Amino acid sequence: MPILQVDHGVRDFDTWKQAFDSDPVGRKAGGVRRHRIVRATDDPNYVIIELEFDTLDEAESFREKLTEMWSTAGPRLGLERPSARVVDVVERKDY
């Protein structure tokens, strides 16, 4: 299962979360099956987002759309050093 892993700082988490919830890139239409947001415990304004897809092509395509959005809206949203990479689950084990 391909996962688009996104991480960046934000100036204000609540403002960023409102923008995320408004879904400007169209997660469902872009093939996202589920997402998870985590915050750094030592910096609540640093977020990591994991977006799960069925196919690598969907994940790569969504990464391109996200990168385009960052170039136009990133500064307005207070994003700091956004980055994204596609990773694949090699193993998962519940304890």
C-alpha atoms as a PDB file:
ATOM      1  CA  MET A   1       0.000   0.000   0.000  1.00  0.00           C
ATOM      2  CA  PRO A   2       1.628   3.287  -1.102  1.00  0.00           C
ATOM      3  CA  ILE A   3       1.632   6.085   1.451  1.00  0.00           C
ATOM      4  CA  LEU A   4       2.345   9.705   0.667  1.00  0.00           C
ATOM      5  CA  GLN A   5       4.211  10.949   3.716  1.00  0.00           C
ATOM      6  CA  VAL A   6       4.100  14.731   4.093  1.00  0.00           C
ATOM      7  CA  ASP A   7       5.876  16.735   6.749  1.00  0.00           C
ATOM      8  CA  HIS A   8       6.294  20.427   7.486  1.00  0.00           C
ATOM      9  CA  GLY A   9       6.151  23.061  10.132  1.00  0.00           C
ATOM     10  CA  VAL A  10       3.191  25.424  10.387  1.00  0.00           C
ATOM     11  CA  ARG A  11       2.995  28.885  11.928  1.00  0.00           C
ATOM     12  CA  ASP A  12      -0.354  28.092  13.565  1.00  0.00           C
ATOM     13  CA  PHE A  13      -1.728  24.556  13.817  1.00  0.00           C
ATOM     14  CA  ASP A  14      -5.386  25.559  14.107  1.00  0.00           C
ATOM     15  CA  THR A  15      -5.223  27.741  10.985  1.00  0.00           C
ATOM     16  CA  TRP A  16      -3.428  24.981   9.089  1.00  0.00           C
ATOM     17  CA  LYS A  17      -5.976  22.378  10.270  1.00  0.00           C
ATOM     18  CA  GLN A  18      -8.865  24.471   8.971  1.00  0.00           C
ATOM     19  CA  ALA A  19      -7.161  24.634   5.573  1.00  0.00           C
ATOM     20  CA  PHE A  20      -6.477  20.874   5.658  1.00  0.00           C
ATOM     21  CA  ASP A  21     -10.101  20.154   6.533  1.00  0.00           C
ATOM     22  CA  SER A  22     -11.287  22.310   3.614  1.00  0.00           C
ATOM     23  CA  ASP A  23      -9.421  19.803   1.390  1.00  0.00           C
ATOM     24  CA  PRO A  24      -8.098  22.187  -1.295  1.00  0.00           C
ATOM     25  CA  VAL A  25      -6.422  19.401  -3.298  1.00  0.00           C
ATOM     26  CA  GLY A  26      -9.367  16.958  -3.189  1.00  0.00           C
ATOM     27  CA  ARG A  27      -8.184  13.925  -1.234  1.00  0.00           C
ATOM     28  CA  LYS A  28     -11.102  11.597  -2.014  1.00  0.00           C
ATOM     29  CA  ALA A  29     -11.152  12.453  -5.726  1.00  0.00           C
ATOM     30  CA  GLY A  30      -7.364  12.034  -5.772  1.00  0.00           C
ATOM     31  CA  GLY A  31      -7.561   8.449  -4.530  1.00  0.00           C
ATOM     32  CA  VAL A  32      -6.766   8.900  -0.838  1.00  0.00           C
ATOM     33  CA  ARG A  33      -8.260   5.982   1.115  1.00  0.00           C
ATOM     34  CA  ARG A  34      -7.430   7.239   4.620  1.00  0.00           C
ATOM     35  CA  HIS A  35      -5.188   9.730   6.314  1.00  0.00           C
ATOM     36  CA  ARG A  36      -3.420  10.144   9.612  1.00  0.00           C
ATOM     37  CA  ILE A  37      -2.063  13.354  11.116  1.00  0.00           C
ATOM     38  CA  VAL A  38       0.543  13.322  13.868  1.00  0.00           C
ATOM     39  CA  ARG A  39       2.278  16.184  15.659  1.00  0.00           C
ATOM     40  CA  ALA A  40       5.749  16.292  17.146  1.00  0.00           C
ATOM     41  CA  THR A  41       5.518  16.098  20.931  1.00  0.00           C
ATOM     42  CA  ASP A  42       8.303  18.655  21.312  1.00  0.00           C
ATOM     43  CA  ASP A  43       6.852  21.018  18.665  1.00  0.00           C
ATOM     44  CA  PRO A  44       3.051  21.023  18.242  1.00  0.00           C
ATOM     45  CA  ASN A  45       3.445  23.138  15.095  1.00  0.00           C
ATOM     46  CA  TYR A  46       5.308  20.358  13.267  1.00  0.00           C
ATOM     47  CA  VAL A  47       2.974  17.948  11.493  1.00  0.00           C
ATOM     48  CA  ILE A  48       3.365  14.677   9.637  1.00  0.00           C
ATOM     49  CA  ILE A  49       0.532  13.513   7.409  1.00  0.00           C
ATOM     50  CA  GLU A  50       0.207  10.021   5.964  1.00  0.00           C
ATOM     51  CA  LEU A  51      -2.131   9.613   3.001  1.00  0.00           C
ATOM     52  CA  GLU A  52      -2.843   6.015   1.932  1.00  0.00           C
ATOM     53  CA  PHE A  53      -3.565   5.054  -1.688  1.00  0.00           C
ATOM     54  CA  ASP A  54      -4.395   1.891  -3.608  1.00  0.00           C
ATOM     55  CA  THR A  55      -1.799   2.515  -6.324  1.00  0.00           C
ATOM     56  CA  LEU A  56       1.612   4.111  -6.705  1.00  0.00           C
ATOM     57  CA  ASP A  57       0.341   6.157  -9.665  1.00  0.00           C
ATOM     58  CA  GLU A  58      -2.368   7.740  -7.497  1.00  0.00           C
ATOM     59  CA  ALA A  59       0.155   8.606  -4.784  1.00  0.00           C
ATOM     60  CA  GLU A  60       2.623  10.132  -7.267  1.00  0.00           C
ATOM     61  CA  SER A  61      -0.113  12.116  -9.013  1.00  0.00           C
ATOM     62  CA  PHE A  62      -1.385  13.467  -5.709  1.00  0.00           C
ATOM     63  CA  ARG A  63       2.138  14.453  -4.683  1.00  0.00           C
ATOM     64  CA  GLU A  64       2.408  16.546  -7.851  1.00  0.00           C
ATOM     65  CA  LYS A  65      -0.910  18.294  -7.099  1.00  0.00           C
ATOM     66  CA  LEU A  66       0.174  18.925  -3.529  1.00  0.00           C
ATOM     67  CA  THR A  67       3.491  20.399  -4.662  1.00  0.00           C
ATOM     68  CA  GLU A  68       1.636  22.743  -7.030  1.00  0.00           C
ATOM     69  CA  MET A  69      -0.637  23.865  -4.210  1.00  0.00           C
ATOM     70  CA  TRP A  70       2.370  24.559  -1.978  1.00  0.00           C
ATOM     71  CA  SER A  71       3.926  26.835  -4.580  1.00  0.00           C
ATOM     72  CA  THR A  72       0.848  29.065  -4.644  1.00  0.00           C
ATOM     73  CA  ALA A  73      -0.794  28.732  -1.222  1.00  0.00           C
ATOM     74  CA  GLY A  74       2.013  27.425   1.000  1.00  0.00           C
ATOM     75  CA  PRO A  75       3.232  30.817   2.229  1.00  0.00           C
ATOM     76  CA  ARG A  76      -0.335  32.006   2.918  1.00  0.00           C
ATOM     77  CA  LEU A  77      -0.976  28.848   4.959  1.00  0.00           C
ATOM     78  CA  GLY A  78       2.208  29.346   6.952  1.00  0.00           C
ATOM     79  CA  LEU A  79       3.897  26.159   5.753  1.00  0.00           C
ATOM     80  CA  GLU A  80       7.564  25.828   6.618  1.00  0.00           C
ATOM     81  CA  ARG A  81       9.794  23.568   4.508  1.00  0.00           C
ATOM     82  CA  PRO A  82       7.073  21.236   3.194  1.00  0.00           C
ATOM     83  CA  SER A  83       8.246  17.934   1.779  1.00  0.00           C
ATOM     84  CA  ALA A  84       6.547  14.802   0.530  1.00  0.00           C
ATOM     85  CA  ARG A  85       7.712  11.346  -0.452  1.00  0.00           C
ATOM     86  CA  VAL A  86       5.982   8.136  -1.352  1.00  0.00           C
ATOM     87  CA  VAL A  87       6.784   5.191   0.905  1.00  0.00           C
ATOM     88  CA  ASP A  88       5.515   1.625   0.887  1.00  0.00           C
ATOM     89  CA  VAL A  89       4.534  -0.509   3.862  1.00  0.00           C
ATOM     90  CA  VAL A  90       7.007  -3.368   4.188  1.00  0.00           C
ATOM     91  CA  GLU A  91       5.697  -4.809   7.410  1.00  0.00           C
ATOM     92  CA  ARG A  92       2.998  -4.071   9.947  1.00  0.00           C
ATOM     93  CA  LYS A  93       2.486  -5.921  13.189  1.00  0.00           C
ATOM     94  CA  ASP A  94       0.049  -5.126  15.943  1.00  0.00           C
ATOM     95  CA  TYR A  95       0.982  -5.716  19.575  1.00  0.00           C
END
